[in-house]
């Protein structure tokens, strides 16, 4: 179906207003009106009679949306997903995209409940939808943000969910002073060479030796208990004595080993200061 432009529609409207006998008008304009009515009924399913002014208002809304820079990208996505190439109506493309956004907003997973995508984020929302479809949420995720997402999509979701700034580093994204259990932590999110989120580390700030039992060990226990509530007790649990903690290494405290994921929690020592660290890694992505 050829596109009926707004200027032509306005001319049609004026022609209609100033004519006493519209039925006898040039067949060209009659044909245009019939074509527009046909498009309206196909798009809306409404078979009732409609006034020309209302018809033009509806078409004007469709045309304004088609003028958006993102429309052609949405249309290409529509063709790619549906396989339709010929006789595509703009309303079909827009309705298809609206349904995708509705899915994101209404999906039961909490991640999708945070993705109330704005109109100017059309392209990002398509990319988010596609990546979330291919990377399901697991109990090992950080804040239910699934492994396997690209850096770009990860940043978008993280910002929507936490409204917290991420610092770009060469090998990871950094969240400084991210509070868990009222304590600030340093969190690093790592990506593979092909840009897939595959690992994150939660590290406490470092403390002097007199805070080892008062602060560092309780933080390690907190990280263990948090993971335990999600996936059950660790496969291995170690008792860490004072002299077990060596400089430059992480002394193991708790470990979960699964086919798909590995979780390690331990206590480290660096420059005479102690800290706890939790590492969660997707084993399949990092192969």
Protein backbone atom coordinates (compact mmCIF):
# COMPACT_ATOMS: atom_id res chain seq x y z
CA UNK A 1 0.00 0.00 0.00
CA UNK A 2 1.36 3.39 -0.96
CA UNK A 3 1.83 5.94 1.77
CA UNK A 4 -0.76 8.73 1.96
CA UNK A 5 1.02 11.89 3.05
CA UNK A 6 -0.33 14.53 5.40
CA UNK A 7 -0.34 17.38 2.80
CA UNK A 8 -2.42 15.25 0.45
CA UNK A 9 -4.76 14.34 3.28
CA UNK A 10 -5.21 17.98 4.19
CA UNK A 11 -6.06 18.77 0.58
CA UNK A 12 -8.53 15.93 0.62
CA UNK A 13 -10.09 17.29 3.80
CA UNK A 14 -10.42 20.84 2.38
CA UNK A 15 -11.86 19.45 -0.80
CA UNK A 16 -14.42 17.59 1.27
CA UNK A 17 -15.39 20.60 3.39
CA UNK A 18 -16.02 22.98 0.52
CA UNK A 19 -17.92 20.53 -1.64
CA UNK A 20 -21.68 20.07 -1.43
CA UNK A 21 -21.60 16.73 -3.20
CA UNK A 22 -18.48 14.78 -2.19
CA UNK A 23 -19.72 11.60 -3.87
CA UNK A 24 -19.26 13.24 -7.28
CA UNK A 25 -15.68 14.34 -6.68
CA UNK A 26 -12.83 13.17 -8.80
CA UNK A 27 -12.41 9.41 -8.48
CA UNK A 28 -8.79 9.91 -7.48
CA UNK A 29 -9.75 11.44 -4.12
CA UNK A 30 -12.56 8.94 -3.65
CA UNK A 31 -10.02 6.17 -4.17
CA UNK A 32 -7.67 7.74 -1.63
CA UNK A 33 -10.39 7.93 0.98
CA UNK A 34 -11.38 4.32 0.39
CA UNK A 35 -7.77 3.25 0.66
CA UNK A 36 -7.40 5.15 3.91
CA UNK A 37 -10.57 3.63 5.32
CA UNK A 38 -9.33 0.18 4.34
CA UNK A 39 -6.02 0.79 6.13
CA UNK A 40 -7.84 2.08 9.21
CA UNK A 41 -10.09 -0.98 9.40
CA UNK A 42 -7.18 -3.37 8.89
CA UNK A 43 -5.21 -1.66 11.65
CA UNK A 44 -7.97 -1.16 14.20
CA UNK A 45 -10.51 -3.83 13.37
CA UNK A 46 -13.18 -1.14 13.56
CA UNK A 47 -15.75 -1.63 10.78
CA UNK A 48 -18.09 1.17 11.87
CA UNK A 49 -18.52 4.29 9.79
CA UNK A 50 -15.94 6.96 10.62
CA UNK A 51 -15.92 10.67 9.83
CA UNK A 52 -13.18 11.93 7.55
CA UNK A 53 -11.85 14.32 10.21
CA UNK A 54 -11.40 11.46 12.70
CA UNK A 55 -9.81 9.36 9.98
CA UNK A 56 -7.30 12.09 9.21
CA UNK A 57 -6.43 12.52 12.89
CA UNK A 58 -5.75 8.80 13.20
CA UNK A 59 -3.58 8.82 10.06
CA UNK A 60 -1.75 11.91 11.28
CA UNK A 61 -0.72 10.09 14.47
CA UNK A 62 0.57 7.13 12.46
CA UNK A 63 2.52 9.38 10.10
CA UNK A 64 4.09 11.35 12.95
CA UNK A 65 5.37 8.11 14.47
CA UNK A 66 6.73 7.09 11.09
CA UNK A 67 8.73 10.31 10.99
CA UNK A 68 10.66 9.27 14.11
CA UNK A 69 14.31 8.44 13.25
CA UNK A 70 13.93 5.07 14.98
CA UNK A 71 11.02 3.92 12.81
CA UNK A 72 13.13 2.44 10.01
CA UNK A 73 15.18 0.48 12.54
CA UNK A 74 11.99 -0.83 14.13
CA UNK A 75 10.66 -1.74 10.69
CA UNK A 76 13.82 -3.71 9.88
CA UNK A 77 13.49 -5.57 13.20
CA UNK A 78 9.85 -6.30 12.34
CA UNK A 79 10.82 -7.76 8.97
CA UNK A 80 13.63 -9.78 10.52
CA UNK A 81 11.37 -11.31 13.19
CA UNK A 82 8.19 -11.85 11.15
CA UNK A 83 9.61 -12.61 7.72
CA UNK A 84 7.07 -10.25 6.15
CA UNK A 85 8.43 -8.06 3.37
CA UNK A 86 5.56 -6.92 1.15
CA UNK A 87 2.38 -4.97 1.94
CA UNK A 88 3.56 -4.00 5.43
CA UNK A 89 1.35 -1.39 7.09
CA UNK A 90 3.01 1.11 9.46
CA UNK A 91 0.41 0.34 12.12
CA UNK A 92 1.46 -3.34 12.05
CA UNK A 93 5.06 -2.37 12.71
CA UNK A 94 4.12 0.01 15.51
CA UNK A 95 1.72 -2.46 17.14
CA UNK A 96 4.36 -5.21 17.00
CA UNK A 97 6.82 -2.92 18.75
CA UNK A 98 4.24 -1.83 21.32
CA UNK A 99 3.62 -5.48 22.20
CA UNK A 100 7.36 -6.00 22.72
CA UNK A 101 7.49 -3.07 25.13
CA UNK A 102 4.41 -4.37 26.94
CA UNK A 103 6.17 -7.70 27.36
CA UNK A 104 9.15 -5.98 28.95
CA UNK A 105 6.96 -3.95 31.29
CA UNK A 106 4.66 -6.78 32.36
CA UNK A 107 7.02 -9.76 32.46
CA UNK A 108 7.04 -11.40 35.87
CA UNK A 109 10.83 -11.24 36.20
CA UNK A 110 11.78 -8.26 38.33
CA UNK A 111 14.42 -7.14 35.83
CA UNK A 112 11.80 -6.45 33.23
CA UNK A 113 9.64 -4.61 35.74
CA UNK A 114 12.43 -2.05 36.02
CA UNK A 115 12.62 -1.48 32.26
CA UNK A 116 10.00 1.21 31.74
CA UNK A 117 11.56 2.29 28.49
CA UNK A 118 11.08 5.88 27.37
CA UNK A 119 10.15 6.82 23.80
CA UNK A 120 13.65 8.10 23.01
CA UNK A 121 15.14 4.72 24.02
CA UNK A 122 13.43 2.76 21.25
CA UNK A 123 16.55 1.23 19.75
CA UNK A 124 17.98 0.30 23.16
CA UNK A 125 14.72 -1.36 24.16
CA UNK A 126 14.83 -3.62 21.09
CA UNK A 127 18.38 -4.64 21.93
CA UNK A 128 17.48 -5.22 25.59
CA UNK A 129 14.52 -7.38 24.63
CA UNK A 130 16.60 -9.55 22.31
CA UNK A 131 19.42 -10.07 24.81
CA UNK A 132 17.09 -10.83 27.72
CA UNK A 133 15.30 -13.40 25.59
CA UNK A 134 18.60 -15.19 24.98
CA UNK A 135 20.01 -14.89 28.52
CA UNK A 136 17.59 -16.09 31.22
CA UNK A 137 17.87 -14.95 34.82
CA UNK A 138 19.56 -17.34 37.29
CA UNK A 139 20.07 -17.43 41.05
CA UNK A 140 23.76 -16.61 40.55
CA UNK A 141 23.13 -13.23 38.92
CA UNK A 142 23.90 -9.88 40.49
CA UNK A 143 20.61 -8.19 41.30
CA UNK A 144 18.88 -10.54 38.84
CA UNK A 145 20.84 -9.07 35.93
CA UNK A 146 21.64 -12.17 33.87
CA UNK A 147 25.04 -13.28 32.67
CA UNK A 148 25.63 -13.13 28.93
CA UNK A 149 24.50 -9.55 28.37
CA UNK A 150 26.64 -7.16 26.37
CA UNK A 151 28.39 -4.32 28.19
CA UNK A 152 26.00 -1.75 26.70
CA UNK A 153 22.82 -3.58 27.70
CA UNK A 154 24.26 -4.41 31.11
CA UNK A 155 24.87 -0.70 31.76
CA UNK A 156 21.35 0.24 30.70
CA UNK A 157 19.72 -2.34 32.96
CA UNK A 158 22.04 -1.61 35.89
CA UNK A 159 21.26 2.12 35.68
CA UNK A 160 17.53 1.48 35.48
CA UNK A 161 17.56 -0.92 38.42
CA UNK A 162 19.96 0.83 40.79
CA UNK A 163 20.35 4.42 39.52
CA UNK A 164 24.00 4.03 40.42
CA UNK A 165 26.97 5.24 38.32
CA UNK A 166 29.31 2.73 36.71
CA UNK A 167 32.92 3.67 35.96
CA UNK A 168 34.35 2.45 32.66
CA UNK A 169 37.58 0.50 32.99
CA UNK A 170 39.48 -1.37 30.30
CA UNK A 171 38.59 -4.86 31.52
CA UNK A 172 35.51 -4.22 33.66
CA UNK A 173 32.79 -1.86 34.87
CA UNK A 174 33.29 -0.53 38.38
CA UNK A 175 30.69 0.35 41.01
CA UNK A 176 32.40 2.11 43.93
CA UNK A 177 30.77 2.56 47.34
CA UNK A 178 27.87 0.26 46.44
CA UNK A 179 26.04 -0.42 49.69
CA UNK A 180 25.09 -3.93 50.78
CA UNK A 181 23.81 -4.56 54.29
CA UNK A 182 24.60 -0.88 55.10
CA UNK A 183 28.29 -1.39 54.29
CA UNK A 184 30.03 0.01 51.20
CA UNK A 185 31.56 -2.48 48.76
CA UNK A 186 33.57 -2.28 45.54
CA UNK A 187 31.96 -4.27 42.71
CA UNK A 188 33.59 -5.15 39.39
CA UNK A 189 31.70 -6.58 36.41
CA UNK A 190 33.82 -8.43 33.84
CA UNK A 191 33.18 -9.13 30.15
CA UNK A 192 34.64 -11.68 27.75
CA UNK A 193 36.57 -10.80 24.62
CA UNK A 194 33.33 -11.06 22.64
CA UNK A 195 31.59 -8.64 25.03
CA UNK A 196 29.60 -11.02 27.24
CA UNK A 197 29.08 -10.39 30.97
CA UNK A 198 30.55 -13.48 32.63
CA UNK A 199 31.87 -12.60 36.10
CA UNK A 200 31.51 -10.18 38.99
CA UNK A 201 33.50 -9.54 42.15
CA UNK A 202 32.22 -7.99 45.36
CA UNK A 203 35.06 -6.71 47.52
CA UNK A 204 34.94 -4.93 50.85
CA UNK A 205 37.07 -1.96 51.70
CA UNK A 206 40.32 -2.87 53.48
CA UNK A 207 40.87 -2.58 57.23
CA UNK A 208 43.72 -2.83 59.71
CA UNK A 209 44.29 -5.99 61.71
CA UNK A 210 42.25 -4.87 64.70
CA UNK A 211 39.16 -4.81 62.46
CA UNK A 212 39.63 -8.34 61.09
CA UNK A 213 37.25 -9.99 63.59
CA UNK A 214 35.00 -6.95 64.09
CA UNK A 215 34.33 -6.02 60.47
CA UNK A 216 35.99 -8.23 57.82
CA UNK A 217 34.88 -11.65 59.08
CA UNK A 218 31.25 -10.51 59.62
CA UNK A 219 31.23 -9.13 56.07
CA UNK A 220 32.43 -12.49 54.76
CA UNK A 221 29.66 -14.21 56.73
CA UNK A 222 27.12 -11.77 55.28
CA UNK A 223 28.23 -12.55 51.71
CA UNK A 224 28.04 -16.28 52.43
CA UNK A 225 24.58 -16.09 53.97
CA UNK A 226 23.30 -13.98 51.09
CA UNK A 227 24.43 -16.60 48.59
CA UNK A 228 23.23 -19.43 50.81
CA UNK A 229 19.68 -18.09 50.74
CA UNK A 230 19.74 -18.24 46.94
CA UNK A 231 21.40 -21.58 46.16
CA UNK A 232 21.75 -23.47 49.42
CA UNK A 233 24.76 -24.20 51.67
CA UNK A 234 28.27 -24.10 50.19
CA UNK A 235 29.94 -27.27 48.96
CA UNK A 236 32.96 -26.39 51.06
CA UNK A 237 33.29 -24.23 54.14
CA UNK A 238 36.68 -23.44 55.67
CA UNK A 239 37.80 -22.06 59.02
CA UNK A 240 40.31 -19.29 58.48
CA UNK A 241 42.82 -18.79 61.27
CA UNK A 242 44.76 -15.57 61.70
CA UNK A 243 47.94 -17.09 60.24
CA UNK A 244 46.05 -18.68 57.33
CA UNK A 245 45.64 -15.28 55.71
CA UNK A 246 48.67 -14.62 53.51
CA UNK A 247 49.60 -11.40 51.76
CA UNK A 248 48.76 -11.29 48.06
CA UNK A 249 46.33 -14.23 48.15
CA UNK A 250 42.69 -14.90 48.99
CA UNK A 251 42.23 -17.44 51.76
CA UNK A 252 39.11 -19.53 50.95
CA UNK A 253 36.13 -19.35 53.28
CA UNK A 254 33.19 -20.72 51.23
CA UNK A 255 32.87 -22.30 47.80
CA UNK A 256 30.00 -23.41 45.56
CA UNK A 257 30.90 -25.45 42.50
CA UNK A 258 28.21 -26.05 39.87
CA UNK A 259 28.36 -27.10 36.25
CA UNK A 260 27.36 -23.64 35.10
CA UNK A 261 28.69 -21.37 37.87
CA UNK A 262 31.38 -21.12 40.52
CA UNK A 263 31.18 -18.97 43.65
CA UNK A 264 34.13 -18.25 45.93
CA UNK A 265 34.24 -16.18 49.11
CA UNK A 266 37.45 -15.54 51.00
CA UNK A 267 39.54 -13.11 53.02
CA UNK A 268 42.58 -11.36 51.61
CA UNK A 269 45.53 -9.35 52.87
CA UNK A 270 47.18 -6.53 50.97
CA UNK A 271 49.60 -3.95 52.37
CA UNK A 272 48.84 -5.04 55.94
CA UNK A 273 45.12 -4.45 55.44
CA UNK A 274 42.39 -7.09 55.41
CA UNK A 275 39.33 -7.41 53.17
CA UNK A 276 36.76 -9.97 52.08
CA UNK A 277 35.96 -10.85 48.50
CA UNK A 278 33.24 -12.76 46.68
CA UNK A 279 33.64 -13.94 43.07
CA UNK A 280 30.79 -15.32 40.96
CA UNK A 281 31.64 -16.66 37.50
CA UNK A 282 29.67 -18.22 34.69
CA UNK A 283 31.82 -21.18 33.66
CA UNK A 284 30.30 -21.70 30.23
CA UNK A 285 30.74 -18.12 29.06
CA UNK A 286 34.40 -18.05 30.07
CA UNK A 287 35.50 -21.04 27.98
